[in-house]
PDB file of N, CA and C in Angstrom:
ATOM      1  N   MET A   1     114.480  12.238 149.038  1.00  0.00           N
ATOM      2  CA  MET A   1     114.507  12.349 147.579  1.00  0.00           C
ATOM      3  C   MET A   1     114.667  10.968 146.988  1.00  0.00           C
ATOM      4  N   VAL A   2     113.930  10.685 145.966  1.00  0.00           N
ATOM      5  CA  VAL A   2     113.979   9.397 145.295  1.00  0.00           C
ATOM      6  C   VAL A   2     115.142   9.392 144.314  1.00  0.00           C
ATOM      7  N   GLY A   3     115.988   8.335 144.400  1.00  0.00           N
ATOM      8  CA  GLY A   3     117.080   8.195 143.446  1.00  0.00           C
ATOM      9  C   GLY A   3     116.537   7.754 142.103  1.00  0.00           C
ATOM     10  N   THR A   4     117.368   7.863 141.088  1.00  0.00           N
ATOM     11  CA  THR A   4     116.927   7.537 139.737  1.00  0.00           C
ATOM     12  C   THR A   4     117.860   6.526 139.098  1.00  0.00           C
ATOM     13  N   VAL A   5     117.273   5.572 138.399  1.00  0.00           N
ATOM     14  CA  VAL A   5     118.017   4.618 137.581  1.00  0.00           C
ATOM     15  C   VAL A   5     117.596   4.865 136.142  1.00  0.00           C
ATOM     16  N   ALA A   6     118.568   5.093 135.285  1.00  0.00           N
ATOM     17  CA  ALA A   6     118.273   5.328 133.870  1.00  0.00           C
ATOM     18  C   ALA A   6     117.958   3.996 133.189  1.00  0.00           C
ATOM     19  N   ALA A   7     117.102   4.053 132.187  1.00  0.00           N
ATOM     20  CA  ALA A   7     116.724   2.851 131.445  1.00  0.00           C
ATOM     21  C   ALA A   7     117.953   2.151 130.873  1.00  0.00           C
ATOM     22  N   ASN A   8     118.937   2.924 130.431  1.00  0.00           N
ATOM     23  CA  ASN A   8     120.160   2.321 129.886  1.00  0.00           C
ATOM     24  C   ASN A   8     120.910   1.536 130.956  1.00  0.00           C
ATOM     25  N   ASP A   9     120.950   2.047 132.195  1.00  0.00           N
ATOM     26  CA  ASP A   9     121.580   1.300 133.284  1.00  0.00           C
ATOM     27  C   ASP A   9     120.827   0.010 133.558  1.00  0.00           C
ATOM     28  N   LEU A  10     119.527   0.080 133.464  1.00  0.00           N
ATOM     29  CA  LEU A  10     118.705  -1.114 133.665  1.00  0.00           C
ATOM     30  C   LEU A  10     118.991  -2.142 132.573  1.00  0.00           C
ATOM     31  N   LYS A  11     119.177  -1.665 131.343  1.00  0.00           N
ATOM     32  CA  LYS A  11     119.491  -2.573 130.234  1.00  0.00           C
ATOM     33  C   LYS A  11     120.836  -3.249 130.429  1.00  0.00           C
ATOM     34  N   THR A  12     121.827  -2.480 130.884  1.00  0.00           N
ATOM     35  CA  THR A  12     123.184  -3.043 130.991  1.00  0.00           C
ATOM     36  C   THR A  12     123.418  -3.801 132.288  1.00  0.00           C
ATOM     37  N   LYS A  13     122.845  -3.315 133.395  1.00  0.00           N
ATOM     38  CA  LYS A  13     123.096  -3.930 134.696  1.00  0.00           C
ATOM     39  C   LYS A  13     121.973  -4.847 135.158  1.00  0.00           C
ATOM     40  N   GLY A  14     120.828  -4.754 134.512  1.00  0.00           N
ATOM     41  CA  GLY A  14     119.692  -5.584 134.901  1.00  0.00           C
ATOM     42  C   GLY A  14     119.112  -5.179 136.240  1.00  0.00           C
ATOM     43  N   ILE A  15     118.489  -6.134 136.872  1.00  0.00           N
ATOM     44  CA  ILE A  15     117.795  -5.884 138.138  1.00  0.00           C
ATOM     45  C   ILE A  15     118.765  -5.442 139.233  1.00  0.00           C
ATOM     46  N   LYS A  16     120.034  -5.740 139.071  1.00  0.00           N
ATOM     47  CA  LYS A  16     121.066  -5.341 140.039  1.00  0.00           C
ATOM     48  C   LYS A  16     121.090  -3.816 140.199  1.00  0.00           C
ATOM     49  N   ALA A  17     120.831  -3.087 139.130  1.00  0.00           N
ATOM     50  CA  ALA A  17     120.801  -1.621 139.212  1.00  0.00           C
ATOM     51  C   ALA A  17     119.711  -1.160 140.170  1.00  0.00           C
ATOM     52  N   ILE A  18     118.573  -1.818 140.122  1.00  0.00           N
ATOM     53  CA  ILE A  18     117.462  -1.463 141.025  1.00  0.00           C
ATOM     54  C   ILE A  18     117.788  -1.913 142.444  1.00  0.00           C
ATOM     55  N   GLU A  19     118.284  -3.136 142.584  1.00  0.00           N
ATOM     56  CA  GLU A  19     118.620  -3.636 143.914  1.00  0.00           C
ATOM     57  C   GLU A  19     119.631  -2.724 144.604  1.00  0.00           C
ATOM     58  N   ASP A  20     120.670  -2.305 143.880  1.00  0.00           N
ATOM     59  CA  ASP A  20     121.682  -1.418 144.456  1.00  0.00           C
ATOM     60  C   ASP A  20     121.070  -0.080 144.866  1.00  0.00           C
ATOM     61  N   ALA A  21     120.208   0.459 144.035  1.00  0.00           N
ATOM     62  CA  ALA A  21     119.593   1.758 144.330  1.00  0.00           C
ATOM     63  C   ALA A  21     118.666   1.671 145.540  1.00  0.00           C
ATOM     64  N   LEU A  22     118.036   0.514 145.733  1.00  0.00           N
ATOM     65  CA  LEU A  22     117.100   0.355 146.849  1.00  0.00           C
ATOM     66  C   LEU A  22     117.797   0.074 148.178  1.00  0.00           C
ATOM     67  N   LEU A  23     119.103  -0.085 148.162  1.00  0.00           N
ATOM     68  CA  LEU A  23     119.817  -0.351 149.411  1.00  0.00           C
ATOM     69  C   LEU A  23     119.694   0.798 150.411  1.00  0.00           C
ATOM     70  N   ASN A  24     119.644   2.026 149.919  1.00  0.00           N
ATOM     71  CA  ASN A  24     119.655   3.196 150.799  1.00  0.00           C
ATOM     72  C   ASN A  24     118.386   4.034 150.748  1.00  0.00           C
ATOM     73  N   GLN A  25     117.381   3.555 150.044  1.00  0.00           N
ATOM     74  CA  GLN A  25     116.140   4.328 149.937  1.00  0.00           C
ATOM     75  C   GLN A  25     114.983   3.382 149.644  1.00  0.00           C
ATOM     76  N   PRO A  26     113.775   3.774 150.011  1.00  0.00           N
ATOM     77  CA  PRO A  26     112.627   2.872 149.835  1.00  0.00           C
ATOM     78  C   PRO A  26     112.071   2.821 148.411  1.00  0.00           C
ATOM     79  N   GLU A  27     112.347   3.846 147.606  1.00  0.00           N
ATOM     80  CA  GLU A  27     111.789   3.925 146.248  1.00  0.00           C
ATOM     81  C   GLU A  27     112.861   4.407 145.283  1.00  0.00           C
ATOM     82  N   VAL A  28     112.754   3.950 144.039  1.00  0.00           N
ATOM     83  CA  VAL A  28     113.700   4.355 142.996  1.00  0.00           C
ATOM     84  C   VAL A  28     112.910   4.718 141.752  1.00  0.00           C
ATOM     85  N   ALA A  29     113.214   5.864 141.179  1.00  0.00           N
ATOM     86  CA  ALA A  29     112.563   6.285 139.935  1.00  0.00           C
ATOM     87  C   ALA A  29     113.333   5.698 138.760  1.00  0.00           C
ATOM     88  N   LEU A  30     112.606   5.241 137.745  1.00  0.00           N
ATOM     89  CA  LEU A  30     113.216   4.767 136.507  1.00  0.00           C
ATOM     90  C   LEU A  30     112.966   5.817 135.441  1.00  0.00           C
ATOM     91  N   SER A  31     114.054   6.268 134.824  1.00  0.00           N
ATOM     92  CA  SER A  31     113.902   7.317 133.818  1.00  0.00           C
ATOM     93  C   SER A  31     114.164   6.763 132.427  1.00  0.00           C
ATOM     94  N   VAL A  32     113.386   7.254 131.490  1.00  0.00           N
ATOM     95  CA  VAL A  32     113.525   6.909 130.084  1.00  0.00           C
ATOM     96  C   VAL A  32     113.744   8.214 129.340  1.00  0.00           C
ATOM     97  N   ARG A  33     114.884   8.318 128.673  1.00  0.00           N
ATOM     98  CA  ARG A  33     115.256   9.545 127.954  1.00  0.00           C
ATOM     99  C   ARG A  33     115.180  10.782 128.848  1.00  0.00           C
ATOM    100  N   GLY A  34     115.646  10.619 130.088  1.00  0.00           N
ATOM    101  CA  GLY A  34     115.704  11.749 131.008  1.00  0.00           C
ATOM    102  C   GLY A  34     114.405  12.083 131.727  1.00  0.00           C
ATOM    103  N   GLN A  35     113.341  11.373 131.427  1.00  0.00           N
ATOM    104  CA  GLN A  35     112.038  11.630 132.061  1.00  0.00           C
ATOM    105  C   GLN A  35     111.673  10.451 132.967  1.00  0.00           C
ATOM    106  N   VAL A  36     111.290  10.754 134.200  1.00  0.00           N
ATOM    107  CA  VAL A  36     110.867   9.686 135.107  1.00  0.00           C
ATOM    108  C   VAL A  36     109.556   9.116 134.605  1.00  0.00           C
ATOM    109  N   LYS A  37     109.548   7.792 134.395  1.00  0.00           N
ATOM    110  CA  LYS A  37     108.358   7.116 133.883  1.00  0.00           C
ATOM    111  C   LYS A  37     107.753   6.150 134.900  1.00  0.00           C
ATOM    112  N   TYR A  38     108.597   5.605 135.778  1.00  0.00           N
ATOM    113  CA  TYR A  38     108.130   4.582 136.715  1.00  0.00           C
ATOM    114  C   TYR A  38     108.808   4.773 138.065  1.00  0.00           C
ATOM    115  N   VAL A  39     108.184   4.229 139.101  1.00  0.00           N
ATOM    116  CA  VAL A  39     108.791   4.188 140.424  1.00  0.00           C
ATOM    117  C   VAL A  39     108.757   2.735 140.877  1.00  0.00           C
ATOM    118  N   VAL A  40     109.895   2.258 141.362  1.00  0.00           N
ATOM    119  CA  VAL A  40     110.028   0.875 141.796  1.00  0.00           C
ATOM    120  C   VAL A  40     110.307   0.866 143.289  1.00  0.00           C
ATOM    121  N   MET A  41     109.746  -0.121 143.971  1.00  0.00           N
ATOM    122  CA  MET A  41     109.984  -0.263 145.407  1.00  0.00           C
ATOM    123  C   MET A  41     109.943  -1.741 145.765  1.00  0.00           C
ATOM    124  N   SER A  42     110.419  -2.055 146.937  1.00  0.00           N
ATOM    125  CA  SER A  42     110.352  -3.441 147.394  1.00  0.00           C
ATOM    126  C   SER A  42     108.895  -3.801 147.680  1.00  0.00           C
ATOM    127  N   GLN A  43     108.619  -5.085 147.644  1.00  0.00           N
ATOM    128  CA  GLN A  43     107.261  -5.534 147.940  1.00  0.00           C
ATOM    129  C   GLN A  43     106.893  -5.183 149.379  1.00  0.00           C
ATOM    130  N   GLU A  44     107.854  -5.272 150.267  1.00  0.00           N
ATOM    131  CA  GLU A  44     107.617  -4.915 151.667  1.00  0.00           C
ATOM    132  C   GLU A  44     107.186  -3.452 151.797  1.00  0.00           C
ATOM    133  N   HIS A  45     107.853  -2.557 151.090  1.00  0.00           N
ATOM    134  CA  HIS A  45     107.503  -1.132 151.140  1.00  0.00           C
ATOM    135  C   HIS A  45     106.134  -0.889 150.494  1.00  0.00           C
ATOM    136  N   TYR A  46     105.854  -1.598 149.413  1.00  0.00           N
ATOM    137  CA  TYR A  46     104.549  -1.483 148.758  1.00  0.00           C
ATOM    138  C   TYR A  46     103.439  -1.882 149.727  1.00  0.00           C
ATOM    139  N   HIS A  47     103.622  -2.992 150.420  1.00  0.00           N
ATOM    140  CA  HIS A  47     102.602  -3.439 151.375  1.00  0.00           C
ATOM    141  C   HIS A  47     102.434  -2.427 152.515  1.00  0.00           C
ATOM    142  N   TYR A  48     103.536  -1.828 152.944  1.00  0.00           N
ATOM    143  CA  TYR A  48     103.461  -0.792 153.970  1.00  0.00           C
ATOM    144  C   TYR A  48     102.617   0.386 153.480  1.00  0.00           C
ATOM    145  N   LEU A  49     102.870   0.839 152.246  1.00  0.00           N
ATOM    146  CA  LEU A  49     102.102   1.969 151.690  1.00  0.00           C
ATOM    147  C   LEU A  49     100.629   1.613 151.539  1.00  0.00           C
ATOM    148  N   ARG A  50     100.344   0.387 151.100  1.00  0.00           N
ATOM    149  CA  ARG A  50      98.939  -0.046 150.975  1.00  0.00           C
ATOM    150  C   ARG A  50      98.260  -0.053 152.340  1.00  0.00           C
ATOM    151  N   GLU A  51      98.979  -0.511 153.352  1.00  0.00           N
ATOM    152  CA  GLU A  51      98.420  -0.522 154.702  1.00  0.00           C
ATOM    153  C   GLU A  51      98.118   0.895 155.169  1.00  0.00           C
ATOM    154  N   CYS A  52      99.013   1.831 154.878  1.00  0.00           N
ATOM    155  CA  CYS A  52      98.780   3.238 155.227  1.00  0.00           C
ATOM    156  C   CYS A  52      97.546   3.768 154.514  1.00  0.00           C
ATOM    157  N   GLU A  53      97.408   3.415 153.253  1.00  0.00           N
ATOM    158  CA  GLU A  53      96.262   3.841 152.449  1.00  0.00           C
ATOM    159  C   GLU A  53      94.956   3.303 153.048  1.00  0.00           C
ATOM    160  N   LEU A  54      94.976   2.042 153.446  1.00  0.00           N
ATOM    161  CA  LEU A  54      93.778   1.436 154.029  1.00  0.00           C
ATOM    162  C   LEU A  54      93.458   2.038 155.393  1.00  0.00           C
ATOM    163  N   GLU A  55      94.483   2.333 156.185  1.00  0.00           N
ATOM    164  CA  GLU A  55      94.267   2.982 157.482  1.00  0.00           C
ATOM    165  C   GLU A  55      93.652   4.366 157.299  1.00  0.00           C
ATOM    166  N   ALA A  56      94.111   5.098 156.288  1.00  0.00           N
ATOM    167  CA  ALA A  56      93.559   6.428 156.013  1.00  0.00           C
ATOM    168  C   ALA A  56      92.094   6.324 155.598  1.00  0.00           C
ATOM    169  N   ALA A  57      91.774   5.326 154.776  1.00  0.00           N
ATOM    170  CA  ALA A  57      90.380   5.128 154.346  1.00  0.00           C
ATOM    171  C   ALA A  57      89.505   4.762 155.539  1.00  0.00           C
ATOM    172  N   LEU A  58      90.025   3.938 156.424  1.00  0.00           N
ATOM    173  CA  LEU A  58      89.273   3.551 157.620  1.00  0.00           C
ATOM    174  C   LEU A  58      89.032   4.769 158.522  1.00  0.00           C
ATOM    175  N   ALA A  59      90.046   5.593 158.695  1.00  0.00           N
ATOM    176  CA  ALA A  59      89.892   6.806 159.512  1.00  0.00           C
ATOM    177  C   ALA A  59      88.854   7.741 158.896  1.00  0.00           C
ATOM    178  N   GLU A  60      88.872   7.864 157.564  1.00  0.00           N
ATOM    179  CA  GLU A  60      87.894   8.712 156.877  1.00  0.00           C
ATOM    180  C   GLU A  60      86.478   8.161 157.064  1.00  0.00           C
ATOM    181  N   SER A  61      86.337   6.843 156.971  1.00  0.00           N
ATOM    182  CA  SER A  61      85.022   6.218 157.167  1.00  0.00           C
ATOM    183  C   SER A  61      84.518   6.427 158.583  1.00  0.00           C
ATOM    184  N   ARG A  62      85.416   6.276 159.545  1.00  0.00           N
ATOM    185  CA  ARG A  62      85.012   6.492 160.943  1.00  0.00           C
ATOM    186  C   ARG A  62      84.578   7.938 161.172  1.00  0.00           C
ATOM    187  N   ALA A  63      85.276   8.877 160.559  1.00  0.00           N
ATOM    188  CA  ALA A  63      84.904  10.290 160.683  1.00  0.00           C
ATOM    189  C   ALA A  63      83.549  10.538 160.038  1.00  0.00           C
ATOM    190  N   ASP A  64      83.306   9.936 158.891  1.00  0.00           N
ATOM    191  CA  ASP A  64      82.003  10.081 158.230  1.00  0.00           C
ATOM    192  C   ASP A  64      80.886   9.544 159.122  1.00  0.00           C
ATOM    193  N   LEU A  65      81.108   8.385 159.729  1.00  0.00           N
ATOM    194  CA  LEU A  65      80.104   7.818 160.629  1.00  0.00           C
ATOM    195  C   LEU A  65      79.861   8.739 161.822  1.00  0.00           C
ATOM    196  N   ALA A  66      80.923   9.241 162.408  1.00  0.00           N
ATOM    197  CA  ALA A  66      80.799  10.117 163.575  1.00  0.00           C
ATOM    198  C   ALA A  66      80.059  11.409 163.241  1.00  0.00           C
ATOM    199  N   GLU A  67      80.226  11.902 162.026  1.00  0.00           N
ATOM    200  CA  GLU A  67      79.583  13.150 161.602  1.00  0.00           C
ATOM    201  C   GLU A  67      78.219  12.921 160.951  1.00  0.00           C
ATOM    202  N   GLY A  68      77.795  11.657 160.860  1.00  0.00           N
ATOM    203  CA  GLY A  68      76.485  11.363 160.276  1.00  0.00           C
ATOM    204  C   GLY A  68      76.451  11.459 158.761  1.00  0.00           C
ATOM    205  N   ARG A  69      77.601  11.366 158.129  1.00  0.00           N
ATOM    206  CA  ARG A  69      77.669  11.442 156.662  1.00  0.00           C
ATOM    207  C   ARG A  69      77.571  10.036 156.071  1.00  0.00           C
ATOM    208  N   PHE A  70      76.373   9.473 156.153  1.00  0.00           N
ATOM    209  CA  PHE A  70      76.137   8.152 155.579  1.00  0.00           C
ATOM    210  C   PHE A  70      74.651   8.004 155.280  1.00  0.00           C
ATOM    211  N   VAL A  71      74.338   6.998 154.482  1.00  0.00           N
ATOM    212  CA  VAL A  71      72.957   6.710 154.116  1.00  0.00           C
ATOM    213  C   VAL A  71      72.662   5.283 154.533  1.00  0.00           C
ATOM    214  N   LYS A  72      71.548   5.080 155.193  1.00  0.00           N
ATOM    215  CA  LYS A  72      71.119   3.745 155.586  1.00  0.00           C
ATOM    216  C   LYS A  72      69.935   3.382 154.696  1.00  0.00           C
ATOM    217  N   GLU A  73      70.123   2.311 153.882  1.00  0.00           N
ATOM    218  CA  GLU A  73      69.083   1.935 152.932  1.00  0.00           C
ATOM    219  C   GLU A  73      69.218   0.466 152.571  1.00  0.00           C
ATOM    220  N   THR A  74      68.174  -0.057 151.949  1.00  0.00           N
ATOM    221  CA  THR A  74      68.214  -1.446 151.480  1.00  0.00           C
ATOM    222  C   THR A  74      69.018  -1.504 150.185  1.00  0.00           C
ATOM    223  N   VAL A  75      69.312  -2.715 149.750  1.00  0.00           N
ATOM    224  CA  VAL A  75      70.035  -2.889 148.485  1.00  0.00           C
ATOM    225  C   VAL A  75      69.229  -2.291 147.345  1.00  0.00           C
ATOM    226  N   ALA A  76      67.932  -2.551 147.321  1.00  0.00           N
ATOM    227  CA  ALA A  76      67.071  -2.040 146.249  1.00  0.00           C
ATOM    228  C   ALA A  76      67.068  -0.510 146.243  1.00  0.00           C
ATOM    229  N   GLN A  77      66.986   0.090 147.416  1.00  0.00           N
ATOM    230  CA  GLN A  77      67.015   1.545 147.509  1.00  0.00           C
ATOM    231  C   GLN A  77      68.359   2.095 147.030  1.00  0.00           C
ATOM    232  N   HIS A  78      69.423   1.394 147.377  1.00  0.00           N
ATOM    233  CA  HIS A  78      70.757   1.825 146.973  1.00  0.00           C
ATOM    234  C   HIS A  78      70.918   1.782 145.455  1.00  0.00           C
ATOM    235  N   VAL A  79      70.489   0.684 144.851  1.00  0.00           N
ATOM    236  CA  VAL A  79      70.578   0.554 143.390  1.00  0.00           C
ATOM    237  C   VAL A  79      69.754   1.639 142.719  1.00  0.00           C
ATOM    238  N   LYS A  80      68.563   1.898 143.226  1.00  0.00           N
ATOM    239  CA  LYS A  80      67.706   2.941 142.665  1.00  0.00           C
ATOM    240  C   LYS A  80      68.379   4.308 142.755  1.00  0.00           C
ATOM    241  N   ARG A  81      68.998   4.586 143.909  1.00  0.00           N
ATOM    242  CA  ARG A  81      69.677   5.869 144.104  1.00  0.00           C
ATOM    243  C   ARG A  81      70.867   6.008 143.147  1.00  0.00           C
ATOM    244  N   LEU A  82      71.621   4.929 142.964  1.00  0.00           N
ATOM    245  CA  LEU A  82      72.751   4.964 142.043  1.00  0.00           C
ATOM    246  C   LEU A  82      72.297   5.212 140.605  1.00  0.00           C
ATOM    247  N   LYS A  83      71.201   4.591 140.224  1.00  0.00           N
ATOM    248  CA  LYS A  83      70.666   4.801 138.859  1.00  0.00           C
ATOM    249  C   LYS A  83      70.257   6.268 138.670  1.00  0.00           C
ATOM    250  N   GLN A  84      69.671   6.863 139.699  1.00  0.00           N
ATOM    251  CA  GLN A  84      69.278   8.265 139.626  1.00  0.00           C
ATOM    252  C   GLN A  84      70.505   9.166 139.524  1.00  0.00           C
ATOM    253  N   ILE A  85      71.537   8.841 140.279  1.00  0.00           N
ATOM    254  CA  ILE A  85      72.780   9.627 140.234  1.00  0.00           C
ATOM    255  C   ILE A  85      73.401   9.532 138.838  1.00  0.00           C
ATOM    256  N   ASN A  86      73.441   8.328 138.287  1.00  0.00           N
ATOM    257  CA  ASN A  86      74.008   8.121 136.952  1.00  0.00           C
ATOM    258  C   ASN A  86      73.209   8.854 135.883  1.00  0.00           C
ATOM    259  N   LYS A  87      71.890   8.841 136.021  1.00  0.00           N
ATOM    260  CA  LYS A  87      71.032   9.547 135.056  1.00  0.00           C
ATOM    261  C   LYS A  87      71.287  11.054 135.102  1.00  0.00           C
ATOM    262  N   ALA A  88      71.411  11.566 136.307  1.00  0.00           N
ATOM    263  CA  ALA A  88      71.633  13.010 136.495  1.00  0.00           C
ATOM    264  C   ALA A  88      73.010  13.432 135.964  1.00  0.00           C
ATOM    265  N   ALA A  89      73.973  12.518 135.986  1.00  0.00           N
ATOM    266  CA  ALA A  89      75.330  12.847 135.550  1.00  0.00           C
ATOM    267  C   ALA A  89      75.448  12.885 134.030  1.00  0.00           C
ATOM    268  N   LYS A  90      74.513  12.311 133.318  1.00  0.00           N
ATOM    269  CA  LYS A  90      74.599  12.265 131.850  1.00  0.00           C
ATOM    270  C   LYS A  90      74.148  13.514 131.205  1.00  0.00           C
TER     271      LYS A  90
END
């Protein structure tokens, strides 16, 4: 469960409120008037999440290649296909 720091605590305690909250958890929610508006995390944790995101995208791409879900075309063919897709979407 993500802990919460109220905006008023942030105003009075400054960044120390976030630092203290992050001591025991990777993410902290910031609430404004009782509603969570933001989530704060260390840069190290952010980079970890980005790496996970990129690994998931790579796994998805590899699965697409293995299943033949790709198009092999020239740049000109690709641009033409994108223009057709955009036209059809309008």
